[in-house]
Each structure stands twice: as C-alpha cells, then as structure tokens.
Amino acid sequence: MSTGLDEMERELVALAHEFAEKEIRPVAAAYDQSEEYPWDVLHKAADVGLTSYCFPEEYGGGGIHNLLVSARIHEELGWGDAGIAEVIDTNSFSTGPILSMGSEEQKQRWIPPLCGPKPPTWAFAITEPGCGSDAAALTTNARKVDDGYVLNGSKIWTSNAPVADFYTVFATVAPGTRAKGITCFVVERGDAGFTMGKPLPKMGQRAFPAAELFFEDCFIRDDRRIGAEGQGFYGVMQWFEFVRTELAATSVGIGRAALEVAVEYAKERKAFGRPIHEFEAVSFRLVDAKLKLDQARMMYEHAARLADAGKNYTVEAAAAKLTASEAAVFATHAAMQTLASYGYSREYPVERWLRDAVLEEIQDGTSDIQRLVIARSLFRQ
C-alpha cells in the first residue's frame, strides 16, 4: 500500500524513529525522574531538523507543512517518549498563530530564530484557573492604551512556561463578549508586570514542565498583537484541529511502545509450564490493544489527509484524538497487567508510559470535549 509520502518525507519519518531510538529512549527515564528540562535532546533534535521541518523555507525551515508527515513523525517521537516529544514540538505549536495570523514583519522577526541550532523556546498560554475546556470564557483582559495594550489576569497549566523566552498569550479586549473579544499577543520573559509561579507537579510527561502565569498591568506594544482584535479565538480553534491530530499520533506511539514490550514479555515469561501468551486472558487483552491502536492510526491518518486536501476535518481530528488517547491508556494498562509486578515497577518503562498516556486524554481538549464536538456535528446533521 502507498504510504502517501514522497521519498524525502519517508526519510524524515525514518529519521524521527532513529532519533527516538538513539537519543530519546536512553535518557527518557532519567528525565522523568529528575524532572529536568532535556536541553541536550532538544538541541540535538534542532541539529537534525526535527524542530524546524514544519516552518516555511523562506524563514529557514524545512518547508514541510504536511499534517500526514507531521503526524507520523509525532508517532515515532511519542514511541520514544511523549514528554520529550512535546518539548521538541512545542515551538511549532506555540508559534502557529504567528504563521496563520501574523504580519510579514512579525514572521520575519520570530520565525527564523526557531530554525537555528539552539532555538529560543516558546509557550502557549490560553488555559485559566476558571476556564479550561471553555476557552471562550477566559477573563485575562487587554485594555487598549497609547501604543499598545495593558494585560491583567492569569494563566495556568502553561506548558513549557518555566523555560520559555516567549509566550503566545490570549486575552480579551472586550470582556463579556466571549469569543468576539479574544486577541493574541506575544509576551516576552522579563516584561514588566509579567511573573510566573513555580513549576506545577505532574503525574506524567515530567520532562515537559508547566507553570502558572500572572499579568499585572503588563504593557505590550501594538507590534506584539498577532492578527486583528477579536481574531484570536478563531485562529486558535483552527490550530487546535492540527494539534489534536498530532496528539492522536503521539498517543498511538505511546501505546505502540507499551504493546511491543508486553508482547516480548509474554513470549518469554512462563507460567504453568508454558509461555503466558498461550493463555487467552493474556493474548486477547493484547489483541484488543493492537486493534484499538490500529484503528486510532487509521483515524489520525484520515484526519491528516483531509487537512492536507484543504477539507474540513474538525470532527475527524476530535475523533482521532479521542480514540487514540483512550487506546493509549488501554494499551499501557494492558501492558502493565501483562507484566504484573514488573509493569508496576520502575525497572520497566510501562508505568511511565501509563502515566504519560493519561495526559493525552486531557490536554488540548479532554475526552469529554472531543465527544461534545462529535455530538454537535452528529445531531446537527
């Protein structure tokens, strides 16, 4: 069957797998335990183009804005380690609104440095203590003043925040109008009135830190507003569809890693005089995991192909993200059951993969939100 990729794209996916195998897997457990930021892995990824392949060529990137390619790369990096995969991808996610809504001057200012060997780091700030899934209800406000805006409010669970140099921040210029007032801004580390809390403790993906942000009369110049006033919500919703498809692929990578370990263990481990895979209670559980992961892969590939063809894929992205994240949790839990006490032990990576998989059901739209997106389309039809 055709992969749908040309030779260069297939080589890039193969590069991602090799990088995950040689550079990510050997250090993943150590970073999970220490919760340190994997700067060395990030810079190695930048050296081989895995942080910049998706940026346009005119800004120094690889010029591959093909969601099918990106999703398959995410599956390979997720197979290596989901948290480190997020570290590698966070700049492209956080600067997506600049590419889709920004002026040419803004793109020239912020995108080329991301294509260098040691790129600056970015974070994407939209979630607030009082609103997560309902992004249109955010209350961080931006009041217009001479030459700029004054931001007041807070954000929480901002991934990459503790190490970021720049922050893509969403605030409303018209409180009470929900989506109509939401506008995008770039905030820089060190801006007056901008402070940050300590890194938030997390269950999984601990190499990818998050923190709370605070804005107290934080002045932002006009040239750091991305797009028009009120354009931010619609821009970010379109970008979420892209990201949800990538996250679905990452989830498949996590589940695939766990399934591989469980299958090999079930071949070697013996009970009652025979390998445990000969017991249906074991083998059927792993068969179910394989089926769920294969289905999820087909769904994220379908969503990606629709996107690359310029067609609407809102529902397909939600379905892929929902199916894949739940498949990853099922597969990692199935692996833990297969390895039993060893699965629960840090001697094997399965317990880490289970912790990592749980986040995939929550971030960038919980499973409940994905079901809501699908239900609205179903009953509207």
Protein backbone atom coordinates (compact mmCIF):
# COMPACT_ATOMS: atom_id res chain seq x y z
CA MET A 1 0.00 0.00 0.00
CA SER A 2 1.14 3.55 -0.71
CA THR A 3 2.29 5.46 2.37
CA GLY A 4 1.13 8.74 0.85
CA LEU A 5 4.60 10.22 1.41
CA ASP A 6 7.34 11.03 -1.04
CA GLU A 7 10.91 9.80 -0.57
CA MET A 8 12.10 12.84 1.37
CA GLU A 9 9.10 12.66 3.70
CA ARG A 10 9.63 8.94 4.34
CA GLU A 11 13.27 9.65 5.16
CA LEU A 12 12.19 12.30 7.66
CA VAL A 13 9.84 9.87 9.42
CA ALA A 14 12.66 7.28 9.49
CA LEU A 15 14.96 9.94 10.95
CA ALA A 16 12.42 10.61 13.70
CA HIS A 17 12.31 6.92 14.60
CA GLU A 18 16.11 6.65 14.66
CA PHE A 19 16.33 9.78 16.80
CA ALA A 20 13.73 8.41 19.21
CA GLU A 21 15.59 5.13 19.49
CA LYS A 22 19.11 6.51 19.92
CA GLU A 23 18.66 9.92 21.56
CA ILE A 24 15.34 9.86 23.44
CA ARG A 25 14.80 6.36 24.83
CA PRO A 26 18.18 6.03 26.59
CA VAL A 27 17.55 9.18 28.67
CA ALA A 28 13.74 9.27 29.00
CA ALA A 29 13.52 7.57 32.38
CA ALA A 30 16.21 9.80 33.88
CA TYR A 31 14.43 12.97 32.78
CA ASP A 32 11.12 11.64 34.07
CA GLN A 33 12.68 11.03 37.47
CA SER A 34 14.68 14.28 37.71
CA GLU A 35 12.03 16.46 36.02
CA GLU A 36 14.85 18.44 34.45
CA TYR A 37 14.39 20.02 31.05
CA PRO A 38 16.01 17.96 28.25
CA TRP A 39 18.03 20.77 26.68
CA ASP A 40 20.60 18.42 25.18
CA VAL A 41 17.94 16.33 23.41
CA LEU A 42 16.18 19.47 22.17
CA HIS A 43 19.40 20.86 20.68
CA LYS A 44 20.23 17.52 19.03
CA ALA A 45 16.74 17.50 17.53
CA ALA A 46 17.31 21.02 16.23
CA ASP A 47 20.62 19.96 14.67
CA VAL A 48 18.90 17.29 12.55
CA GLY A 49 15.90 19.46 11.62
CA LEU A 50 13.21 17.86 13.79
CA THR A 51 12.29 21.20 15.37
CA SER A 52 12.16 23.20 12.12
CA TYR A 53 11.00 20.90 9.31
CA CYS A 54 7.47 22.34 9.53
CA PHE A 55 8.42 26.01 9.15
CA PRO A 56 8.32 27.65 5.68
CA GLU A 57 11.52 27.58 3.65
CA GLU A 58 11.57 31.37 3.28
CA TYR A 59 12.18 31.63 7.04
CA GLY A 60 14.84 28.92 7.16
CA GLY A 61 12.63 25.90 7.84
CA GLY A 62 12.17 22.63 6.02
CA GLY A 63 9.01 23.75 4.24
CA ILE A 64 7.00 20.62 5.12
CA HIS A 65 3.59 21.76 6.35
CA ASN A 66 2.02 18.41 5.64
CA LEU A 67 -0.06 17.10 8.53
CA LEU A 68 0.29 13.45 7.50
CA VAL A 69 4.08 13.75 7.66
CA SER A 70 3.96 15.64 10.94
CA ALA A 71 1.59 13.12 12.49
CA ARG A 72 3.78 10.18 11.56
CA ILE A 73 6.80 11.97 12.99
CA HIS A 74 4.84 12.51 16.20
CA GLU A 75 4.03 8.81 16.42
CA GLU A 76 7.73 7.96 16.23
CA LEU A 77 8.74 10.60 18.77
CA GLY A 78 5.87 9.54 21.05
CA TRP A 79 7.17 5.97 20.78
CA GLY A 80 10.43 7.36 22.16
CA ASP A 81 8.93 9.44 24.99
CA ALA A 82 5.81 11.59 24.96
CA GLY A 83 7.14 14.34 27.23
CA ILE A 84 10.34 14.83 25.27
CA ALA A 85 8.32 14.67 22.05
CA GLU A 86 6.28 17.62 23.34
CA VAL A 87 9.48 19.52 24.12
CA ILE A 88 10.64 19.03 20.53
CA ASP A 89 7.30 20.15 19.08
CA THR A 90 6.28 22.98 21.41
CA ASN A 91 7.83 25.80 19.36
CA SER A 92 5.88 24.92 16.22
CA PHE A 93 2.66 24.63 18.23
CA SER A 94 3.18 27.86 20.16
CA THR A 95 4.04 29.95 17.09
CA GLY A 96 1.29 28.53 14.88
CA PRO A 97 -0.86 31.68 15.39
CA ILE A 98 2.02 33.84 14.15
CA LEU A 99 2.18 31.87 10.91
CA SER A 100 -1.59 31.89 10.45
CA MET A 101 -2.46 35.42 11.64
CA GLY A 102 0.76 37.42 11.94
CA SER A 103 2.12 40.12 9.66
CA GLU A 104 5.12 39.51 7.44
CA GLU A 105 7.23 41.68 9.75
CA GLN A 106 6.23 39.53 12.74
CA LYS A 107 7.03 36.30 10.89
CA GLN A 108 10.44 37.66 9.88
CA ARG A 109 11.11 38.69 13.48
CA TRP A 110 10.16 35.49 15.28
CA ILE A 111 10.26 32.51 12.91
CA PRO A 112 13.86 32.43 11.54
CA PRO A 113 15.45 32.11 15.01
CA LEU A 114 13.37 28.95 15.53
CA CYS A 115 15.17 27.32 12.62
CA GLY A 116 18.66 27.68 14.12
CA PRO A 117 20.74 25.14 16.09
CA LYS A 118 19.72 26.50 19.52
CA PRO A 119 16.26 27.99 19.01
CA PRO A 120 14.58 30.20 21.61
CA THR A 121 11.76 28.48 23.46
CA TRP A 122 8.06 29.35 23.32
CA ALA A 123 4.96 28.59 25.37
CA PHE A 124 1.25 28.75 24.51
CA ALA A 125 -0.94 30.38 27.19
CA ILE A 126 -4.72 30.10 26.95
CA THR A 127 -5.97 27.95 29.89
CA GLU A 128 -7.03 29.82 33.03
CA PRO A 129 -7.89 28.74 36.59
CA GLY A 130 -11.57 29.42 35.88
CA CYS A 131 -11.80 28.11 32.34
CA GLY A 132 -10.13 25.18 30.65
CA SER A 133 -12.29 23.47 28.07
CA ASP A 134 -14.44 26.61 27.62
CA ALA A 135 -11.67 28.75 26.17
CA ALA A 136 -14.10 31.48 25.09
CA ALA A 137 -14.81 32.21 28.77
CA LEU A 138 -11.25 33.40 29.51
CA THR A 139 -11.05 36.57 31.63
CA THR A 140 -7.46 37.76 31.17
CA ASN A 141 -8.07 41.17 29.63
CA ALA A 142 -6.12 43.50 27.36
CA ARG A 143 -7.01 47.19 27.73
CA LYS A 144 -6.07 49.43 24.80
CA VAL A 145 -3.73 52.33 25.65
CA ASP A 146 -1.44 54.56 23.59
CA ASP A 147 0.95 52.42 21.51
CA GLY A 148 -0.21 49.13 22.97
CA TYR A 149 -2.24 47.16 25.50
CA VAL A 150 -2.16 46.54 29.24
CA LEU A 151 -2.72 42.90 30.24
CA ASN A 152 -4.24 41.82 33.56
CA GLY A 153 -5.14 38.28 34.59
CA SER A 154 -3.57 34.85 34.91
CA LYS A 155 -3.00 31.57 33.07
CA ILE A 156 -2.46 28.08 34.43
CA TRP A 157 -1.02 24.82 33.11
CA THR A 158 1.01 26.70 30.54
CA SER A 159 3.30 24.02 29.16
CA ASN A 160 6.96 24.96 28.66
CA ALA A 161 6.40 28.15 30.65
CA PRO A 162 9.24 27.67 33.16
CA VAL A 163 11.89 27.70 30.41
CA ALA A 164 10.26 29.81 27.69
CA ASP A 165 11.66 33.01 26.25
CA PHE A 166 8.40 33.99 24.56
CA TYR A 167 4.72 33.34 25.29
CA THR A 168 1.77 33.31 22.90
CA VAL A 169 -0.94 34.72 25.17
CA PHE A 170 -4.67 35.02 24.59
CA ALA A 171 -6.66 37.79 26.27
CA THR A 172 -9.97 39.55 25.66
CA VAL A 173 -10.22 43.17 24.55
CA ALA A 174 -13.97 43.14 25.23
CA PRO A 175 -14.78 41.35 28.50
CA GLY A 176 -18.14 39.62 28.49
CA THR A 177 -18.26 39.08 24.72
CA ARG A 178 -16.67 35.61 24.83
CA ALA A 179 -15.01 34.66 21.53
CA LYS A 180 -15.61 38.04 19.89
CA GLY A 181 -13.04 39.83 22.01
CA ILE A 182 -10.26 37.25 22.23
CA THR A 183 -6.98 38.53 20.82
CA CYS A 184 -3.49 37.06 20.56
CA PHE A 185 -0.32 38.72 21.93
CA VAL A 186 3.35 37.86 22.28
CA VAL A 187 4.75 38.36 25.79
CA GLU A 188 8.48 38.16 26.44
CA ARG A 189 10.21 36.85 29.56
CA GLY A 190 11.21 39.89 31.59
CA ASP A 191 8.32 42.14 30.53
CA ALA A 192 7.33 44.44 33.40
CA GLY A 193 4.20 43.18 35.14
CA PHE A 194 4.70 39.58 33.98
CA THR A 195 5.56 36.99 36.64
CA MET A 196 5.39 33.21 36.99
CA GLY A 197 4.70 30.63 39.66
CA LYS A 198 6.81 27.57 40.41
CA PRO A 199 6.63 24.56 38.06
CA LEU A 200 3.45 22.61 38.71
CA PRO A 201 3.85 18.99 39.92
CA LYS A 202 2.67 16.49 37.32
CA MET A 203 1.83 12.80 37.20
CA GLY A 204 3.44 12.16 33.82
CA GLN A 205 5.35 13.76 30.92
CA ARG A 206 7.50 15.35 33.60
CA ALA A 207 10.29 16.42 31.24
CA PHE A 208 7.77 18.92 29.82
CA PRO A 209 7.14 21.45 32.62
CA ALA A 210 4.14 23.71 33.19
CA ALA A 211 3.51 26.76 35.36
CA GLU A 212 1.02 29.47 36.23
CA LEU A 213 1.46 32.95 34.70
CA PHE A 214 0.42 36.30 36.17
CA PHE A 215 -0.13 39.63 34.40
CA GLU A 216 -0.41 42.79 36.48
CA ASP A 217 -0.56 45.92 34.31
CA CYS A 218 1.76 44.22 31.83
CA PHE A 219 2.29 46.58 28.88
CA ILE A 220 2.53 45.01 25.40
CA ARG A 221 3.32 47.13 22.35
CA ASP A 222 0.98 47.20 19.36
CA ASP A 223 3.54 45.37 17.24
CA ARG A 224 3.19 42.35 19.53
CA ARG A 225 -0.51 41.89 18.85
CA ILE A 226 -0.94 38.95 16.46
CA GLY A 227 -3.77 39.46 13.98
CA ALA A 228 -6.72 41.78 14.44
CA GLU A 229 -8.61 42.37 17.65
CA GLY A 230 -11.10 39.54 18.16
CA GLN A 231 -9.38 37.23 15.68
CA GLY A 232 -7.55 35.13 18.27
CA PHE A 233 -10.25 32.61 19.17
CA TYR A 234 -10.97 31.52 15.63
CA GLY A 235 -7.28 31.32 14.83
CA VAL A 236 -6.57 29.11 17.83
CA MET A 237 -9.53 26.81 17.19
CA GLN A 238 -8.26 26.09 13.68
CA TRP A 239 -4.80 25.40 15.08
CA PHE A 240 -6.21 23.05 17.73
CA GLU A 241 -7.52 20.75 14.99
CA PHE A 242 -3.98 20.42 13.63
CA VAL A 243 -2.57 19.80 17.10
CA ARG A 244 -5.25 17.30 18.08
CA THR A 245 -4.33 15.19 15.07
CA GLU A 246 -0.66 15.30 16.07
CA LEU A 247 -1.55 14.37 19.65
CA ALA A 248 -3.54 11.40 18.36
CA ALA A 249 -0.38 10.21 16.62
CA THR A 250 1.68 10.71 19.78
CA SER A 251 -0.84 8.61 21.69
CA VAL A 252 -0.51 5.81 19.15
CA GLY A 253 3.26 5.98 19.62
CA ILE A 254 2.93 5.60 23.40
CA GLY A 255 0.57 2.66 23.07
CA ARG A 256 2.70 1.02 20.42
CA ALA A 257 5.75 1.17 22.67
CA ALA A 258 3.87 -0.47 25.53
CA LEU A 259 2.38 -3.16 23.30
CA GLU A 260 5.81 -4.09 21.94
CA VAL A 261 7.21 -4.58 25.43
CA ALA A 262 4.18 -6.58 26.53
CA VAL A 263 4.32 -8.90 23.52
CA GLU A 264 8.01 -9.66 24.04
CA TYR A 265 7.46 -10.25 27.76
CA ALA A 266 4.51 -12.57 27.06
CA LYS A 267 6.73 -14.65 24.77
CA GLU A 268 9.43 -15.10 27.41
CA ARG A 269 7.50 -15.28 30.67
CA LYS A 270 6.30 -18.76 31.57
CA ALA A 271 3.57 -19.91 33.92
CA PHE A 272 2.23 -23.40 34.48
CA GLY A 273 4.89 -24.70 32.12
CA ARG A 274 4.20 -22.58 29.06
CA PRO A 275 4.61 -19.01 27.74
CA ILE A 276 1.87 -16.76 29.10
CA HIS A 277 0.84 -15.59 25.61
CA GLU A 278 -0.70 -19.04 25.15
CA PHE A 279 -3.32 -18.10 27.75
CA GLU A 280 -6.22 -16.28 26.12
CA ALA A 281 -6.62 -13.98 29.10
CA VAL A 282 -3.21 -12.53 28.19
CA SER A 283 -3.18 -12.76 24.40
CA PHE A 284 -6.72 -11.48 23.85
CA ARG A 285 -6.02 -8.43 26.00
CA LEU A 286 -3.02 -7.57 23.82
CA VAL A 287 -5.01 -8.29 20.66
CA ASP A 288 -7.58 -5.74 21.82
CA ALA A 289 -4.80 -3.23 22.42
CA LYS A 290 -3.42 -3.79 18.92
CA LEU A 291 -6.85 -3.36 17.33
CA LYS A 292 -7.52 -0.13 19.20
CA LEU A 293 -4.13 1.30 18.21
CA ASP A 294 -4.51 0.27 14.56
CA GLN A 295 -7.95 1.87 14.44
CA ALA A 296 -6.59 5.04 16.03
CA ARG A 297 -3.76 5.21 13.49
CA MET A 298 -6.20 4.95 10.60
CA MET A 299 -8.31 7.71 12.13
CA TYR A 300 -5.45 10.15 12.60
CA GLU A 301 -4.22 9.42 9.08
CA HIS A 302 -7.72 10.07 7.71
CA ALA A 303 -7.93 13.39 9.55
CA ALA A 304 -4.47 14.37 8.30
CA ARG A 305 -5.32 13.53 4.69
CA LEU A 306 -8.46 15.66 4.89
CA ALA A 307 -6.42 18.55 6.27
CA ASP A 308 -3.76 18.21 3.58
CA ALA A 309 -6.51 18.22 0.93
CA GLY A 310 -7.86 21.50 2.29
CA LYS A 311 -11.09 19.95 3.58
CA ASN A 312 -12.83 20.43 6.91
CA TYR A 313 -11.64 17.92 9.50
CA THR A 314 -12.90 19.29 12.81
CA VAL A 315 -14.87 16.17 13.68
CA GLU A 316 -12.23 13.80 12.32
CA ALA A 317 -9.49 15.46 14.40
CA ALA A 318 -11.65 15.22 17.52
CA ALA A 319 -12.48 11.58 16.80
CA ALA A 320 -8.84 10.71 16.19
CA LYS A 321 -7.68 12.42 19.37
CA LEU A 322 -10.42 10.78 21.44
CA THR A 323 -9.88 7.30 20.02
CA ALA A 324 -6.08 7.41 20.15
CA SER A 325 -5.78 8.78 23.67
CA GLU A 326 -8.15 6.16 25.05
CA ALA A 327 -6.37 3.46 23.03
CA ALA A 328 -3.04 4.54 24.55
CA VAL A 329 -4.43 4.30 28.08
CA PHE A 330 -5.91 0.88 27.30
CA ALA A 331 -2.68 -0.40 25.73
CA THR A 332 -0.42 0.83 28.52
CA HIS A 333 -2.73 -0.58 31.16
CA ALA A 334 -2.90 -3.88 29.25
CA ALA A 335 0.89 -3.95 29.20
CA MET A 336 1.02 -3.33 32.94
CA GLN A 337 -1.42 -6.18 33.54
CA THR A 338 0.72 -8.45 31.36
CA LEU A 339 3.95 -7.62 33.17
CA ALA A 340 2.12 -7.67 36.53
CA SER A 341 4.51 -6.57 39.31
CA TYR A 342 7.22 -5.73 36.80
CA GLY A 343 4.78 -3.47 34.99
CA TYR A 344 4.22 -1.55 38.21
CA SER A 345 7.96 -1.34 38.85
CA ARG A 346 10.24 1.38 37.53
CA GLU A 347 12.51 -1.40 36.31
CA TYR A 348 10.34 -1.38 33.19
CA PRO A 349 9.06 1.73 31.36
CA VAL A 350 5.43 0.60 31.30
CA GLU A 351 4.37 2.52 34.44
CA ARG A 352 5.86 5.69 32.96
CA TRP A 353 4.06 5.18 29.67
CA LEU A 354 0.76 4.70 31.51
CA ARG A 355 1.28 7.96 33.39
CA ASP A 356 2.18 9.71 30.14
CA ALA A 357 -0.84 8.30 28.30
CA VAL A 358 -3.30 9.66 30.86
CA LEU A 359 -2.34 13.24 29.93
CA GLU A 360 -3.27 12.57 26.30
CA GLU A 361 -6.90 12.19 27.40
CA ILE A 362 -6.80 15.66 28.98
CA GLN A 363 -4.58 18.11 27.13
CA ASP A 364 -5.82 20.34 24.29
CA GLY A 365 -9.41 19.24 24.90
CA THR A 366 -10.48 16.46 27.25
CA SER A 367 -12.19 13.30 26.03
CA ASP A 368 -15.49 14.85 27.10
CA ILE A 369 -14.85 17.85 24.88
CA GLN A 370 -13.97 15.65 21.90
CA ARG A 371 -17.24 13.77 22.38
CA LEU A 372 -19.08 17.10 22.56
CA VAL A 373 -17.54 18.24 19.26
CA ILE A 374 -18.56 14.97 17.60
CA ALA A 375 -22.06 15.03 19.15
CA ARG A 376 -22.75 18.57 17.95
CA SER A 377 -21.91 17.54 14.41
CA LEU A 378 -23.90 14.30 14.68
CA PHE A 379 -27.09 15.90 15.91
CA ARG A 380 -26.75 18.97 13.69
CA GLN A 381 -26.79 16.61 10.72
